[in-house]
Each structure stands twice: as structure tokens, then as C-alpha cells.
């Protein structure tokens, strides 16, 4: 009984965390059109919050020479997709 409550708490915590990161990624993407050099304070804050989550995918893509010369931030999109998959898996529990 207590174990179920703890697992439920962990599940809800992860789902809320992913929702917050999803929103931060969305706002970062939109602000990237208006502030590409991250001169606004909010742009820098969103970069600091979201980049540690994107960085492992970015490093993997650089190490494997994937998506070199592509004008889109593909690691950003891959990270977003991975978060969606993780969210679906946690929701299905």
C-alpha cells in the first residue's frame, strides 16, 4: 500500500517535471525566432534550464557526425521526442 503511494508520487513528479521542461522547450524555441543571440534575460534563463537536458543528445549527434550542416537544431527536436516517449511510458504505468 505504501509502496503504491510512493510509486504514484514518483510517477506524478516525473510527469510534472516533463511538462515543465516541455513548456520551457516550447518557449525557448519560440523565443529563438525573436532573440536568436539570447540577449533577453528570459532567453538566457530558458537556455540554462533546458540545455543540460539537450546536451547529451547534442554530444551524441556531434560524436557520430549526425546532422552536420543541417540548419535545424535536430538534437533539440530529438530531445523533445524522447521526452514525449518517456512521458507516454510513465503515463501508461
C-alpha atoms as a PDB file:
ATOM      1  CA  UNK A   1       0.000   0.000   0.000  1.00  0.00           C
ATOM      2  CA  UNK A   2       2.747   2.456   0.961  1.00  0.00           C
ATOM      3  CA  UNK A   3       4.862   1.280  -1.975  1.00  0.00           C
ATOM      4  CA  UNK A   4       1.982   2.053  -4.352  1.00  0.00           C
ATOM      5  CA  UNK A   5       1.671   5.550  -2.917  1.00  0.00           C
ATOM      6  CA  UNK A   6       5.410   6.143  -3.292  1.00  0.00           C
ATOM      7  CA  UNK A   7       5.387   4.913  -6.887  1.00  0.00           C
ATOM      8  CA  UNK A   8       2.367   7.098  -7.654  1.00  0.00           C
ATOM      9  CA  UNK A   9       4.165  10.114  -6.153  1.00  0.00           C
ATOM     10  CA  UNK A  10       7.295   9.414  -8.215  1.00  0.00           C
ATOM     11  CA  UNK A  11       5.210   8.953 -11.371  1.00  0.00           C
ATOM     12  CA  UNK A  12       3.380  12.242 -10.838  1.00  0.00           C
ATOM     13  CA  UNK A  13       6.620  14.068 -10.027  1.00  0.00           C
ATOM     14  CA  UNK A  14       8.258  12.842 -13.256  1.00  0.00           C
ATOM     15  CA  UNK A  15       5.197  13.732 -15.322  1.00  0.00           C
ATOM     16  CA  UNK A  16       5.033  17.256 -13.874  1.00  0.00           C
ATOM     17  CA  UNK A  17       8.784  17.707 -14.394  1.00  0.00           C
ATOM     18  CA  UNK A  18       8.459  16.650 -18.047  1.00  0.00           C
ATOM     19  CA  UNK A  19       5.509  19.035 -18.525  1.00  0.00           C
ATOM     20  CA  UNK A  20       7.568  21.921 -17.157  1.00  0.00           C
ATOM     21  CA  UNK A  21      10.527  21.051 -19.371  1.00  0.00           C
ATOM     22  CA  UNK A  22       8.208  20.713 -22.396  1.00  0.00           C
ATOM     23  CA  UNK A  23       6.855  24.200 -21.795  1.00  0.00           C
ATOM     24  CA  UNK A  24      10.365  25.589 -21.315  1.00  0.00           C
ATOM     25  CA  UNK A  25      11.492  23.958 -24.571  1.00  0.00           C
ATOM     26  CA  UNK A  26       8.492  25.340 -26.440  1.00  0.00           C
ATOM     27  CA  UNK A  27       9.059  28.869 -25.139  1.00  0.00           C
ATOM     28  CA  UNK A  28      12.785  28.579 -25.894  1.00  0.00           C
ATOM     29  CA  UNK A  29      12.005  27.553 -29.484  1.00  0.00           C
ATOM     30  CA  UNK A  30       9.588  30.446 -29.974  1.00  0.00           C
ATOM     31  CA  UNK A  31      11.938  32.981 -28.398  1.00  0.00           C
ATOM     32  CA  UNK A  32      14.715  31.689 -30.641  1.00  0.00           C
ATOM     33  CA  UNK A  33      12.917  33.319 -33.566  1.00  0.00           C
ATOM     34  CA  UNK A  34      12.790  36.713 -31.853  1.00  0.00           C
ATOM     35  CA  UNK A  35      16.026  36.610 -29.842  1.00  0.00           C
ATOM     36  CA  UNK A  36      18.462  34.301 -31.647  1.00  0.00           C
ATOM     37  CA  UNK A  37      21.514  35.671 -29.778  1.00  0.00           C
ATOM     38  CA  UNK A  38      19.869  35.137 -26.342  1.00  0.00           C
ATOM     39  CA  UNK A  39      20.237  38.781 -25.354  1.00  0.00           C
ATOM     40  CA  UNK A  40      16.991  38.808 -23.362  1.00  0.00           C
ATOM     41  CA  UNK A  41      17.199  37.590 -19.786  1.00  0.00           C
ATOM     42  CA  UNK A  42      14.333  35.106 -20.217  1.00  0.00           C
ATOM     43  CA  UNK A  43      16.082  33.567 -23.234  1.00  0.00           C
ATOM     44  CA  UNK A  44      19.237  33.024 -21.201  1.00  0.00           C
ATOM     45  CA  UNK A  45      17.286  31.524 -18.291  1.00  0.00           C
ATOM     46  CA  UNK A  46      15.486  29.105 -20.612  1.00  0.00           C
ATOM     47  CA  UNK A  47      18.807  28.149 -22.193  1.00  0.00           C
ATOM     48  CA  UNK A  48      20.352  27.435 -18.789  1.00  0.00           C
ATOM     49  CA  UNK A  49      17.334  25.347 -17.746  1.00  0.00           C
ATOM     50  CA  UNK A  50      16.911  23.322 -20.944  1.00  0.00           C
ATOM     51  CA  UNK A  51      20.414  22.918 -22.351  1.00  0.00           C
ATOM     52  CA  UNK A  52      21.545  20.335 -19.740  1.00  0.00           C
ATOM     53  CA  UNK A  53      18.690  18.124 -20.931  1.00  0.00           C
ATOM     54  CA  UNK A  54      19.537  18.618 -24.615  1.00  0.00           C
ATOM     55  CA  UNK A  55      23.318  18.374 -24.167  1.00  0.00           C
ATOM     56  CA  UNK A  56      23.653  14.540 -24.067  1.00  0.00           C
ATOM     57  CA  UNK A  57      21.752  14.235 -27.348  1.00  0.00           C
ATOM     58  CA  UNK A  58      23.733  17.122 -28.840  1.00  0.00           C
ATOM     59  CA  UNK A  59      27.045  15.481 -27.864  1.00  0.00           C
ATOM     60  CA  UNK A  60      25.946  12.121 -29.285  1.00  0.00           C
ATOM     61  CA  UNK A  61      24.984  13.736 -32.585  1.00  0.00           C
ATOM     62  CA  UNK A  62      28.315  15.590 -32.747  1.00  0.00           C
ATOM     63  CA  UNK A  63      30.316  12.472 -31.881  1.00  0.00           C
ATOM     64  CA  UNK A  64      28.557  10.422 -34.562  1.00  0.00           C
ATOM     65  CA  UNK A  65      28.686  13.310 -37.089  1.00  0.00           C
ATOM     66  CA  UNK A  66      24.929  13.190 -37.475  1.00  0.00           C
ATOM     67  CA  UNK A  67      23.036  16.154 -38.898  1.00  0.00           C
ATOM     68  CA  UNK A  68      26.165  18.174 -39.668  1.00  0.00           C
ATOM     69  CA  UNK A  69      25.303  21.236 -41.730  1.00  0.00           C
ATOM     70  CA  UNK A  70      21.570  20.932 -41.107  1.00  0.00           C
ATOM     71  CA  UNK A  71      20.082  24.369 -40.427  1.00  0.00           C
ATOM     72  CA  UNK A  72      17.677  22.963 -37.811  1.00  0.00           C
ATOM     73  CA  UNK A  73      18.561  22.136 -34.226  1.00  0.00           C
ATOM     74  CA  UNK A  74      17.925  18.417 -34.642  1.00  0.00           C
ATOM     75  CA  UNK A  75      19.210  17.423 -31.165  1.00  0.00           C
ATOM     76  CA  UNK A  76      16.618  19.813 -29.735  1.00  0.00           C
ATOM     77  CA  UNK A  77      13.849  18.017 -31.648  1.00  0.00           C
ATOM     78  CA  UNK A  78      15.181  14.564 -30.746  1.00  0.00           C
ATOM     79  CA  UNK A  79      15.228  15.545 -27.072  1.00  0.00           C
ATOM     80  CA  UNK A  80      11.655  16.773 -27.312  1.00  0.00           C
ATOM     81  CA  UNK A  81      10.588  13.484 -28.906  1.00  0.00           C
ATOM     82  CA  UNK A  82      12.429  11.464 -26.243  1.00  0.00           C
ATOM     83  CA  UNK A  83      10.650  13.419 -23.517  1.00  0.00           C
ATOM     84  CA  UNK A  84       7.307  12.657 -25.179  1.00  0.00           C
ATOM     85  CA  UNK A  85       8.139   8.933 -25.264  1.00  0.00           C
ATOM     86  CA  UNK A  86       9.193   8.968 -21.608  1.00  0.00           C
ATOM     87  CA  UNK A  87       6.003  10.823 -20.724  1.00  0.00           C
ATOM     88  CA  UNK A  88       3.881   8.242 -22.564  1.00  0.00           C
ATOM     89  CA  UNK A  89       5.697   5.399 -20.808  1.00  0.00           C
ATOM     90  CA  UNK A  90       5.175   6.944 -17.375  1.00  0.00           C
ATOM     91  CA  UNK A  91       1.537   7.659 -18.161  1.00  0.00           C
ATOM     92  CA  UNK A  92       0.991   4.018 -19.148  1.00  0.00           C
ATOM     93  CA  UNK A  93       2.247   2.746 -15.764  1.00  0.00           C
END
